[in-house]
Amino acid sequence: MARGLLGAVGTLLLIAGTVFALQGFGVLGGSSMSGSNAWAAAGPVIAAIGLIMLGGAVRSGHRHSPPRQ
């Protein structure tokens, strides 16, 4: 269950960070975040944290178990 939660939070952070970065760079408009240097810097950091969490969730699911007999 913890792996699923870690993966879900990681995915949300990855998506949010990407949107924040695109808004900060001015690619996505219509927000007070659009064209903001703060969000252009924070967005990729948030997305990277999400990617690390998502990778940790995926990696923890690939542990080798001893063969069942």
N, C-alpha and C. Protein backbone atom coordinates (compact mmCIF):
# COMPACT_ATOMS: atom_id res chain seq x y z
N MET A 1 0.83 -1.19 0.00
CA MET A 1 0.00 0.00 0.00
C MET A 1 0.87 1.26 0.00
N ALA A 2 1.97 1.23 0.74
CA ALA A 2 2.85 2.40 0.79
C ALA A 2 3.45 2.69 -0.59
N ARG A 3 3.75 1.61 -1.34
CA ARG A 3 4.31 1.79 -2.67
C ARG A 3 3.30 2.48 -3.58
N GLY A 4 2.03 2.11 -3.47
CA GLY A 4 0.99 2.74 -4.28
C GLY A 4 0.81 4.21 -3.93
N LEU A 5 0.86 4.51 -2.65
CA LEU A 5 0.74 5.90 -2.20
C LEU A 5 1.93 6.73 -2.67
N LEU A 6 3.13 6.16 -2.55
CA LEU A 6 4.34 6.85 -3.01
C LEU A 6 4.26 7.12 -4.52
N GLY A 7 3.78 6.14 -5.26
CA GLY A 7 3.63 6.31 -6.70
C GLY A 7 2.60 7.36 -7.06
N ALA A 8 1.48 7.37 -6.33
CA ALA A 8 0.42 8.35 -6.60
C ALA A 8 0.88 9.77 -6.29
N VAL A 9 1.53 9.95 -5.16
CA VAL A 9 2.03 11.28 -4.79
C VAL A 9 3.12 11.72 -5.76
N GLY A 10 3.99 10.79 -6.14
CA GLY A 10 5.04 11.10 -7.11
C GLY A 10 4.47 11.53 -8.44
N THR A 11 3.43 10.84 -8.90
CA THR A 11 2.79 11.20 -10.16
C THR A 11 2.16 12.58 -10.08
N LEU A 12 1.47 12.86 -8.98
CA LEU A 12 0.85 14.18 -8.83
C LEU A 12 1.91 15.29 -8.80
N LEU A 13 3.01 15.06 -8.09
CA LEU A 13 4.07 16.07 -8.05
C LEU A 13 4.72 16.26 -9.42
N LEU A 14 4.89 15.18 -10.15
CA LEU A 14 5.46 15.27 -11.49
C LEU A 14 4.56 16.10 -12.41
N ILE A 15 3.27 15.83 -12.37
CA ILE A 15 2.33 16.58 -13.21
C ILE A 15 2.26 18.05 -12.78
N ALA A 16 2.13 18.27 -11.47
CA ALA A 16 2.03 19.65 -10.97
C ALA A 16 3.30 20.44 -11.28
N GLY A 17 4.45 19.83 -11.05
CA GLY A 17 5.71 20.51 -11.33
C GLY A 17 5.86 20.87 -12.79
N THR A 18 5.42 19.97 -13.66
CA THR A 18 5.49 20.25 -15.10
C THR A 18 4.58 21.41 -15.47
N VAL A 19 3.36 21.41 -14.93
CA VAL A 19 2.44 22.52 -15.20
C VAL A 19 2.99 23.83 -14.65
N PHE A 20 3.53 23.79 -13.42
CA PHE A 20 4.10 25.00 -12.83
C PHE A 20 5.25 25.53 -13.68
N ALA A 21 6.10 24.63 -14.15
CA ALA A 21 7.24 25.06 -14.97
C ALA A 21 6.75 25.68 -16.28
N LEU A 22 5.79 25.04 -16.92
CA LEU A 22 5.27 25.59 -18.18
C LEU A 22 4.61 26.95 -17.97
N GLN A 23 3.93 27.11 -16.86
CA GLN A 23 3.35 28.42 -16.56
C GLN A 23 4.44 29.44 -16.27
N GLY A 24 5.43 29.03 -15.52
CA GLY A 24 6.52 29.95 -15.20
C GLY A 24 7.29 30.40 -16.43
N PHE A 25 7.46 29.49 -17.40
CA PHE A 25 8.16 29.84 -18.64
C PHE A 25 7.26 30.58 -19.61
N GLY A 26 5.97 30.71 -19.28
CA GLY A 26 5.05 31.46 -20.13
C GLY A 26 4.44 30.64 -21.25
N VAL A 27 4.62 29.32 -21.23
CA VAL A 27 4.04 28.46 -22.26
C VAL A 27 2.54 28.33 -22.04
N LEU A 28 2.14 28.15 -20.77
CA LEU A 28 0.72 28.11 -20.41
C LEU A 28 0.37 29.45 -19.77
N GLY A 29 -0.61 30.09 -20.34
CA GLY A 29 -1.00 31.41 -19.82
C GLY A 29 -2.27 31.33 -18.99
N GLY A 30 -2.77 32.50 -18.62
CA GLY A 30 -4.03 32.61 -17.93
C GLY A 30 -3.95 32.46 -16.42
N SER A 31 -2.79 32.66 -15.87
CA SER A 31 -2.63 32.50 -14.43
C SER A 31 -1.67 33.57 -13.91
N SER A 32 -1.74 33.83 -12.62
CA SER A 32 -0.80 34.79 -12.04
C SER A 32 0.60 34.17 -11.99
N MET A 33 0.70 32.85 -12.20
CA MET A 33 1.98 32.17 -12.22
C MET A 33 2.66 32.31 -13.59
N SER A 34 1.92 32.71 -14.60
CA SER A 34 2.45 32.78 -15.96
C SER A 34 3.56 33.82 -16.05
N GLY A 35 4.69 33.42 -16.57
CA GLY A 35 5.82 34.33 -16.76
C GLY A 35 6.58 34.64 -15.48
N SER A 36 6.34 33.89 -14.42
CA SER A 36 7.00 34.15 -13.14
C SER A 36 8.29 33.35 -13.04
N ASN A 37 9.38 34.04 -12.75
CA ASN A 37 10.67 33.37 -12.59
C ASN A 37 10.67 32.40 -11.42
N ALA A 38 9.91 32.71 -10.38
CA ALA A 38 9.86 31.83 -9.21
C ALA A 38 9.29 30.47 -9.59
N TRP A 39 8.22 30.46 -10.38
CA TRP A 39 7.61 29.19 -10.78
C TRP A 39 8.42 28.50 -11.88
N ALA A 40 9.13 29.28 -12.67
CA ALA A 40 10.02 28.68 -13.67
C ALA A 40 11.16 27.93 -13.00
N ALA A 41 11.55 28.36 -11.81
CA ALA A 41 12.61 27.68 -11.06
C ALA A 41 12.05 26.57 -10.18
N ALA A 42 10.90 26.80 -9.55
CA ALA A 42 10.33 25.82 -8.62
C ALA A 42 9.70 24.63 -9.35
N GLY A 43 9.11 24.86 -10.49
CA GLY A 43 8.42 23.80 -11.22
C GLY A 43 9.30 22.60 -11.54
N PRO A 44 10.47 22.80 -12.15
CA PRO A 44 11.33 21.64 -12.43
C PRO A 44 11.81 20.92 -11.16
N VAL A 45 12.00 21.65 -10.08
CA VAL A 45 12.43 21.02 -8.82
C VAL A 45 11.31 20.13 -8.29
N ILE A 46 10.07 20.63 -8.33
CA ILE A 46 8.92 19.86 -7.87
C ILE A 46 8.73 18.62 -8.76
N ALA A 47 8.87 18.80 -10.07
CA ALA A 47 8.74 17.68 -11.00
C ALA A 47 9.83 16.63 -10.75
N ALA A 48 11.04 17.08 -10.47
CA ALA A 48 12.14 16.14 -10.20
C ALA A 48 11.89 15.34 -8.93
N ILE A 49 11.37 15.99 -7.91
CA ILE A 49 11.04 15.28 -6.67
C ILE A 49 9.96 14.23 -6.95
N GLY A 50 8.97 14.60 -7.74
CA GLY A 50 7.93 13.64 -8.11
C GLY A 50 8.48 12.48 -8.90
N LEU A 51 9.42 12.76 -9.80
CA LEU A 51 10.03 11.70 -10.60
C LEU A 51 10.85 10.75 -9.72
N ILE A 52 11.55 11.30 -8.75
CA ILE A 52 12.32 10.47 -7.82
C ILE A 52 11.39 9.59 -6.98
N MET A 53 10.30 10.17 -6.51
CA MET A 53 9.33 9.39 -5.73
C MET A 53 8.70 8.29 -6.58
N LEU A 54 8.34 8.62 -7.80
CA LEU A 54 7.74 7.65 -8.70
C LEU A 54 8.73 6.53 -9.01
N GLY A 55 9.96 6.89 -9.26
CA GLY A 55 11.00 5.89 -9.51
C GLY A 55 11.21 4.99 -8.30
N GLY A 56 11.16 5.57 -7.11
CA GLY A 56 11.30 4.77 -5.89
C GLY A 56 10.15 3.80 -5.72
N ALA A 57 8.96 4.22 -6.08
CA ALA A 57 7.80 3.33 -5.97
C ALA A 57 7.91 2.18 -6.97
N VAL A 58 8.33 2.49 -8.18
CA VAL A 58 8.46 1.45 -9.20
C VAL A 58 9.59 0.50 -8.83
N ARG A 59 10.69 1.07 -8.38
CA ARG A 59 11.85 0.24 -8.04
C ARG A 59 11.58 -0.67 -6.85
N SER A 60 10.82 -0.20 -5.88
CA SER A 60 10.54 -1.03 -4.71
C SER A 60 9.64 -2.20 -5.07
N GLY A 61 8.94 -2.12 -6.16
CA GLY A 61 8.09 -3.21 -6.60
C GLY A 61 8.85 -4.27 -7.38
N HIS A 62 10.11 -4.01 -7.72
CA HIS A 62 10.90 -4.94 -8.51
C HIS A 62 11.93 -5.70 -7.69
N ARG A 63 11.74 -5.79 -6.42
CA ARG A 63 12.68 -6.55 -5.58
C ARG A 63 12.53 -8.03 -5.89
N HIS A 64 13.62 -8.68 -5.88
CA HIS A 64 13.60 -10.11 -6.19
C HIS A 64 13.21 -10.90 -4.95
N SER A 65 12.22 -11.72 -5.10
CA SER A 65 11.79 -12.58 -4.01
C SER A 65 12.38 -13.96 -4.22
N PRO A 66 12.58 -14.68 -3.14
CA PRO A 66 13.04 -16.06 -3.32
C PRO A 66 11.95 -16.86 -4.03
N PRO A 67 12.33 -17.81 -4.84
CA PRO A 67 11.32 -18.60 -5.56
C PRO A 67 10.44 -19.39 -4.61
N ARG A 68 9.17 -19.43 -4.94
CA ARG A 68 8.23 -20.20 -4.12
C ARG A 68 8.32 -21.68 -4.44
N GLN A 69 8.16 -22.48 -3.41
CA GLN A 69 8.23 -23.93 -3.64
C GLN A 69 6.92 -24.59 -3.38
